[in-house]
Amino acid sequence: MSNDDATIEGGRQRSFRLHNMAVPARPQEPGLYLVATPIGNLGDITLRALETLAGADVLACEDTRVTRVLLDRYGIQNRPYAYHEHNADEAGPRLLAALEAGKSVALVSDAGTPLVSDPGYRLAQSAIEAGYLVVPIPGASAPLAALVGSGLPNDAFLFAGFLPTKDKARRDRLAEFVTVPATLMFFESPHRIAATLVAAADVLGGDRAASVCRELTKSFEEFRRGTLAELAAHYAEVDNVKGEIVLVIGPPPERPVEQADVDTILADLAGTMPTAKAAAEAAKLTGLPRKELYQRLLDMKGSDG
């Protein structure tokens, strides 16, 4: 099949190219299409995604320069329009207007699956509330790639996006996951990974198994595995960490603790530190909820009085 066989509508060819062969793309049914794109290796895209990108009436993306690289790789002539957190209030209504006019709108993020830690959630929510067709086009996902490559348990897992940038807020957020019986996954930037590992080791326990998954699907892909304490020690010595990172942390170890032991731990800790900190430390040692331990410590102090 030659380029002459590609479908031409609205002044552009609705087609994509595979191995120098043009493949016609059918116009898409009116609706919002959430299209997963590669997270690094441009070969990680589905045929369905290519047809959707080529056949949609409107193509919205985070960064037109990033998306243009993918489109050029596969000979897609569709023009991308920017939709990101800084212009969502302006661009969102325009995309909804396109849906109202009976057009098909494809939405992609810079990498991976739209709506995962990006403003696409707002657009999808508005489209659903307005009654428009919303279709996921699945494909690459950084959290899932990291999970299966980490070697950590995957029977139950929780993706929690980015952690706060400030240390106290980061530790408070991590404390919410101390007793969650699942593998945890976080996005992290290379210049914060060392501090995050220190905080995670302090709050979740240095013996928790973890993996720093970096540059997934790219030439320098790396899975560095170990305990949180070991990883924190390693990255404390590494300068200029590069690449996008998914931090995967295994579930908490089972630590059955008798109530009498819990009371002893609380009493010992309360003798050397404030109540709130004692409860937090006891939570790390026992795996029990911090709020529950805090209340028990207050009850113990009240009964002593």
Protein backbone atom coordinates (compact mmCIF):
# COMPACT_ATOMS: atom_id res chain seq x y z
CA MET A 1 0.00 0.00 0.00
CA SER A 2 1.38 3.42 -0.93
CA ASN A 3 0.79 6.87 0.51
CA ASP A 4 -1.76 7.42 -2.26
CA ASP A 5 -4.02 4.85 -0.60
CA ALA A 6 -4.23 6.76 2.69
CA THR A 7 -7.56 8.33 3.60
CA ILE A 8 -7.61 12.10 3.07
CA GLU A 9 -10.10 14.21 5.03
CA GLY A 10 -10.12 17.86 6.00
CA GLY A 11 -6.95 18.58 4.02
CA ARG A 12 -4.78 15.98 5.79
CA GLN A 13 -4.10 12.30 5.40
CA ARG A 14 -5.74 10.14 8.04
CA SER A 15 -3.06 7.47 8.14
CA PHE A 16 -0.02 6.28 10.01
CA ARG A 17 3.17 4.73 8.72
CA LEU A 18 4.66 1.34 9.59
CA HIS A 19 7.91 0.31 7.93
CA ASN A 20 7.42 2.90 5.16
CA MET A 21 3.92 1.63 4.43
CA ALA A 22 0.93 3.96 4.89
CA VAL A 23 -1.95 2.44 6.85
CA PRO A 24 -5.35 4.15 6.51
CA ALA A 25 -6.95 5.33 9.76
CA ARG A 26 -10.71 5.34 10.09
CA PRO A 27 -12.33 8.50 11.46
CA GLN A 28 -13.13 7.96 15.12
CA GLU A 29 -16.63 7.98 16.58
CA PRO A 30 -17.37 11.27 18.40
CA GLY A 31 -16.01 11.13 21.93
CA LEU A 32 -12.95 11.62 24.12
CA TYR A 33 -10.15 9.07 23.61
CA LEU A 34 -7.53 8.72 26.35
CA VAL A 35 -4.53 7.36 24.48
CA ALA A 36 -1.52 5.82 26.22
CA THR A 37 1.81 6.68 24.57
CA PRO A 38 5.35 5.32 25.12
CA ILE A 39 7.16 6.18 28.33
CA GLY A 40 10.55 6.17 26.60
CA ASN A 41 10.94 3.63 23.82
CA LEU A 42 8.83 4.85 20.88
CA GLY A 43 8.26 1.25 19.82
CA ASP A 44 5.98 0.77 22.83
CA ILE A 45 2.77 1.95 21.17
CA THR A 46 -0.23 -0.07 20.05
CA LEU A 47 -1.74 -0.19 16.57
CA ARG A 48 -5.04 0.96 18.06
CA ALA A 49 -3.32 4.01 19.56
CA LEU A 50 -1.76 4.91 16.22
CA GLU A 51 -5.07 4.64 14.41
CA THR A 52 -6.76 6.78 17.07
CA LEU A 53 -4.09 9.50 16.89
CA ALA A 54 -4.28 9.57 13.09
CA GLY A 55 -8.06 9.33 12.84
CA ALA A 56 -9.20 11.74 15.59
CA ASP A 57 -10.56 15.13 14.57
CA VAL A 58 -8.69 16.89 17.40
CA LEU A 59 -5.46 15.85 19.14
CA ALA A 60 -4.70 17.39 22.54
CA CYS A 61 -1.42 16.90 24.39
CA GLU A 62 0.70 18.27 27.26
CA ASP A 63 3.65 19.45 25.16
CA THR A 64 3.27 19.71 21.38
CA ARG A 65 7.04 19.33 20.89
CA VAL A 66 7.11 15.99 22.70
CA THR A 67 4.05 14.65 20.92
CA ARG A 68 5.34 15.87 17.55
CA VAL A 69 8.33 13.50 17.90
CA LEU A 70 5.96 10.54 18.23
CA LEU A 71 3.75 11.70 15.37
CA ASP A 72 6.71 12.20 13.06
CA ARG A 73 8.05 8.74 13.89
CA TYR A 74 4.83 7.19 12.61
CA GLY A 75 4.00 9.64 9.82
CA ILE A 76 0.87 11.04 11.48
CA GLN A 77 -0.16 14.43 10.12
CA ASN A 78 -2.67 15.33 12.83
CA ARG A 79 -1.78 18.68 14.39
CA PRO A 80 -1.45 18.55 18.20
CA TYR A 81 -2.95 21.26 20.41
CA ALA A 82 -1.64 22.01 23.90
CA TYR A 83 -3.69 21.05 26.95
CA HIS A 84 -1.80 21.20 30.25
CA GLU A 85 -2.13 22.41 33.83
CA HIS A 86 -1.26 26.01 32.91
CA ASN A 87 -3.89 26.43 30.17
CA ALA A 88 -6.54 23.89 31.25
CA ASP A 89 -9.06 26.60 32.17
CA GLU A 90 -8.87 27.99 28.62
CA ALA A 91 -8.17 24.87 26.55
CA GLY A 92 -10.57 22.58 28.42
CA PRO A 93 -13.76 24.40 27.35
CA ARG A 94 -12.53 24.43 23.73
CA LEU A 95 -12.10 20.67 23.77
CA LEU A 96 -15.52 20.21 25.33
CA ALA A 97 -16.95 22.45 22.61
CA ALA A 98 -15.38 20.15 20.02
CA LEU A 99 -17.10 17.19 21.67
CA GLU A 100 -20.39 19.08 21.66
CA ALA A 101 -19.92 19.70 17.92
CA GLY A 102 -19.73 15.94 17.37
CA LYS A 103 -15.97 15.67 16.93
CA SER A 104 -13.58 13.01 18.18
CA VAL A 105 -10.89 14.26 20.59
CA ALA A 106 -7.75 12.24 21.38
CA LEU A 107 -5.88 13.17 24.56
CA VAL A 108 -2.30 12.12 25.26
CA SER A 109 0.19 12.98 28.01
CA ASP A 110 3.90 13.47 27.43
CA ALA A 111 4.46 9.81 28.31
CA GLY A 112 2.37 6.90 29.51
CA THR A 113 -1.31 6.79 30.29
CA PRO A 114 -3.31 10.05 30.45
CA LEU A 115 -4.99 11.00 33.75
CA VAL A 116 -2.15 9.44 35.79
CA SER A 117 -0.71 12.50 37.59
CA ASP A 118 -1.71 14.96 34.86
CA PRO A 119 -4.59 17.45 34.27
CA GLY A 120 -6.39 15.11 31.87
CA TYR A 121 -8.50 13.98 34.83
CA ARG A 122 -10.36 17.30 34.83
CA LEU A 123 -11.21 17.02 31.14
CA ALA A 124 -12.32 13.39 31.40
CA GLN A 125 -14.47 14.17 34.43
CA SER A 126 -16.16 17.06 32.62
CA ALA A 127 -16.74 14.92 29.53
CA ILE A 128 -18.30 12.13 31.59
CA GLU A 129 -20.54 14.58 33.46
CA ALA A 130 -21.69 16.02 30.12
CA GLY A 131 -22.58 12.56 28.85
CA TYR A 132 -19.95 12.26 26.11
CA LEU A 133 -18.35 8.96 25.14
CA VAL A 134 -15.03 8.44 26.96
CA VAL A 135 -12.80 5.65 25.65
CA PRO A 136 -9.49 4.47 27.20
CA ILE A 137 -6.86 3.29 24.70
CA PRO A 138 -4.53 1.33 27.00
CA GLY A 139 -0.81 0.92 26.62
CA ALA A 140 2.41 1.90 28.36
CA SER A 141 2.29 2.76 32.07
CA ALA A 142 5.35 3.70 34.13
CA PRO A 143 3.92 2.51 37.49
CA LEU A 144 3.04 -0.93 36.11
CA ALA A 145 6.35 -1.28 34.29
CA ALA A 146 8.16 -0.43 37.53
CA LEU A 147 6.02 -2.82 39.56
CA VAL A 148 6.65 -5.86 37.37
CA GLY A 149 10.35 -5.05 37.05
CA SER A 150 10.91 -4.38 40.75
CA GLY A 151 10.46 -7.99 41.83
CA LEU A 152 8.22 -6.88 44.71
CA PRO A 153 4.80 -8.37 45.53
CA ASN A 154 2.15 -7.37 42.99
CA ASP A 155 -0.98 -9.06 44.34
CA ALA A 156 -1.97 -5.73 45.94
CA PHE A 157 -0.46 -2.35 45.09
CA LEU A 158 -1.16 1.36 45.57
CA PHE A 159 0.03 4.14 43.27
CA ALA A 160 0.24 7.48 45.11
CA GLY A 161 1.69 9.86 42.50
CA PHE A 162 4.25 12.44 43.60
CA LEU A 163 5.15 12.96 47.26
CA PRO A 164 5.25 16.52 48.67
CA THR A 165 8.49 18.42 48.12
CA LYS A 166 8.84 19.70 51.71
CA ASP A 167 10.36 17.22 54.16
CA LYS A 168 7.71 17.43 56.89
CA ALA A 169 4.83 17.19 54.43
CA ARG A 170 6.59 14.29 52.71
CA ARG A 171 7.00 12.43 56.00
CA ASP A 172 3.39 13.11 57.00
CA ARG A 173 2.22 11.71 53.68
CA LEU A 174 4.40 8.61 54.02
CA ALA A 175 3.06 8.06 57.52
CA GLU A 176 -0.40 7.54 56.00
CA PHE A 177 0.92 4.40 54.29
CA VAL A 178 2.80 2.77 57.19
CA THR A 179 0.28 -0.03 57.68
CA VAL A 180 -1.17 -0.27 54.16
CA PRO A 181 -0.85 -3.99 53.27
CA ALA A 182 0.25 -3.36 49.69
CA THR A 183 3.25 -2.49 47.56
CA LEU A 184 3.54 1.30 47.24
CA MET A 185 4.52 3.22 44.11
CA PHE A 186 5.54 6.87 43.86
CA PHE A 187 6.83 9.13 41.09
CA GLU A 188 9.96 11.01 42.14
CA SER A 189 12.39 13.47 40.59
CA PRO A 190 16.10 12.61 40.42
CA HIS A 191 17.17 15.55 42.58
CA ARG A 192 14.78 14.54 45.41
CA ILE A 193 15.21 10.76 45.41
CA ALA A 194 17.98 10.77 48.06
CA ALA A 195 15.91 12.82 50.53
CA THR A 196 12.80 10.76 49.80
CA LEU A 197 14.60 7.50 50.52
CA VAL A 198 15.86 8.85 53.85
CA ALA A 199 12.34 9.93 54.79
CA ALA A 200 10.84 6.62 53.64
CA ALA A 201 13.39 4.63 55.66
CA ASP A 202 12.68 6.72 58.76
CA VAL A 203 8.89 6.61 58.47
CA LEU A 204 8.20 3.20 56.90
CA GLY A 205 11.18 1.34 58.33
CA GLY A 206 14.64 0.86 56.92
CA ASP A 207 14.08 -2.88 56.50
CA ARG A 208 11.29 -2.45 53.95
CA ALA A 209 12.23 -3.90 50.55
CA ALA A 210 12.22 -1.34 47.73
CA SER A 211 13.35 -0.64 44.19
CA VAL A 212 14.39 2.59 42.49
CA CYS A 213 13.24 2.19 38.88
CA ARG A 214 14.92 4.73 36.64
CA GLU A 215 14.71 5.59 32.93
CA LEU A 216 12.18 2.85 32.22
CA THR A 217 12.25 1.44 28.64
CA LYS A 218 15.14 3.77 27.72
CA SER A 219 18.77 2.98 26.93
CA PHE A 220 19.94 3.42 30.53
CA GLU A 221 17.03 1.64 32.24
CA GLU A 222 17.95 0.63 35.78
CA PHE A 223 16.32 -1.27 38.63
CA ARG A 224 18.27 -0.77 41.85
CA ARG A 225 16.87 -3.08 44.50
CA GLY A 226 17.48 -3.34 48.25
CA THR A 227 16.06 -2.22 51.57
CA LEU A 228 15.07 1.40 52.04
CA ALA A 229 18.06 1.85 54.35
CA GLU A 230 20.44 0.37 51.76
CA LEU A 231 19.03 2.48 48.95
CA ALA A 232 19.14 5.63 51.09
CA ALA A 233 22.80 4.97 51.86
CA HIS A 234 23.59 4.40 48.18
CA TYR A 235 21.90 7.55 46.86
CA ALA A 236 23.42 9.65 49.64
CA GLU A 237 26.75 9.02 47.88
CA VAL A 238 25.52 9.56 44.30
CA ASP A 239 25.83 12.99 42.71
CA ASN A 240 23.77 14.16 39.76
CA VAL A 241 21.17 11.39 39.53
CA LYS A 242 19.49 11.55 36.13
CA GLY A 243 16.25 10.35 34.59
CA GLU A 244 12.63 9.85 35.57
CA ILE A 245 12.08 7.62 38.59
CA VAL A 246 9.39 5.37 40.01
CA LEU A 247 10.02 4.38 43.62
CA VAL A 248 8.47 1.03 44.51
CA ILE A 249 8.27 -0.02 48.18
CA GLY A 250 7.23 -3.46 49.32
CA PRO A 251 4.40 -4.05 51.82
CA PRO A 252 5.13 -3.91 55.56
CA PRO A 253 6.41 -7.11 57.17
CA GLU A 254 3.97 -8.88 59.42
CA ARG A 255 4.76 -8.06 63.02
CA PRO A 256 2.21 -9.60 65.38
CA VAL A 257 2.57 -7.76 68.68
CA GLU A 258 0.84 -8.54 71.95
CA GLN A 259 -1.07 -5.68 73.57
CA ALA A 260 1.16 -5.85 76.64
CA ASP A 261 4.21 -5.44 74.42
CA VAL A 262 2.60 -2.44 72.73
CA ASP A 263 1.99 -0.79 76.10
CA THR A 264 5.59 -1.41 77.10
CA ILE A 265 6.89 0.09 73.86
CA LEU A 266 4.64 3.14 74.26
CA ALA A 267 5.68 3.66 77.87
CA ASP A 268 9.38 3.44 77.04
CA LEU A 269 9.11 5.85 74.12
CA ALA A 270 6.91 8.31 76.03
CA GLY A 271 9.59 8.56 78.69
CA THR A 272 12.04 10.13 76.23
CA MET A 273 9.93 11.99 73.65
CA PRO A 274 6.66 13.89 73.17
CA THR A 275 3.41 11.93 72.87
CA ALA A 276 2.93 12.43 69.14
CA LYS A 277 6.48 11.40 68.29
CA ALA A 278 6.27 8.41 70.62
CA ALA A 279 3.13 7.24 68.83
CA ALA A 280 4.80 7.68 65.43
CA GLU A 281 7.86 5.69 66.51
CA ALA A 282 5.65 2.97 67.99
CA ALA A 283 3.75 2.76 64.71
CA LYS A 284 7.00 2.04 62.88
CA LEU A 285 7.98 -0.63 65.41
CA THR A 286 4.63 -2.40 65.62
CA GLY A 287 2.97 -1.77 62.27
CA LEU A 288 -0.13 -0.50 64.08
CA PRO A 289 -1.90 2.75 63.10
CA ARG A 290 -0.27 5.87 64.54
CA LYS A 291 -3.60 7.45 65.48
CA GLU A 292 -4.63 4.32 67.37
CA LEU A 293 -1.35 4.29 69.30
CA TYR A 294 -1.56 8.02 70.01
CA GLN A 295 -5.02 7.59 71.55
CA ARG A 296 -3.85 4.57 73.56
CA LEU A 297 -0.93 6.57 74.92
CA LEU A 298 -3.28 9.37 75.96
CA ASP A 299 -5.49 6.80 77.69
CA MET A 300 -2.48 5.34 79.47
CA LYS A 301 -1.39 8.78 80.68
CA GLY A 302 -4.93 9.56 81.80
CA SER A 303 -5.19 6.36 83.81
CA ASP A 304 -1.84 7.07 85.47
CA GLY A 305 -3.17 10.40 86.60
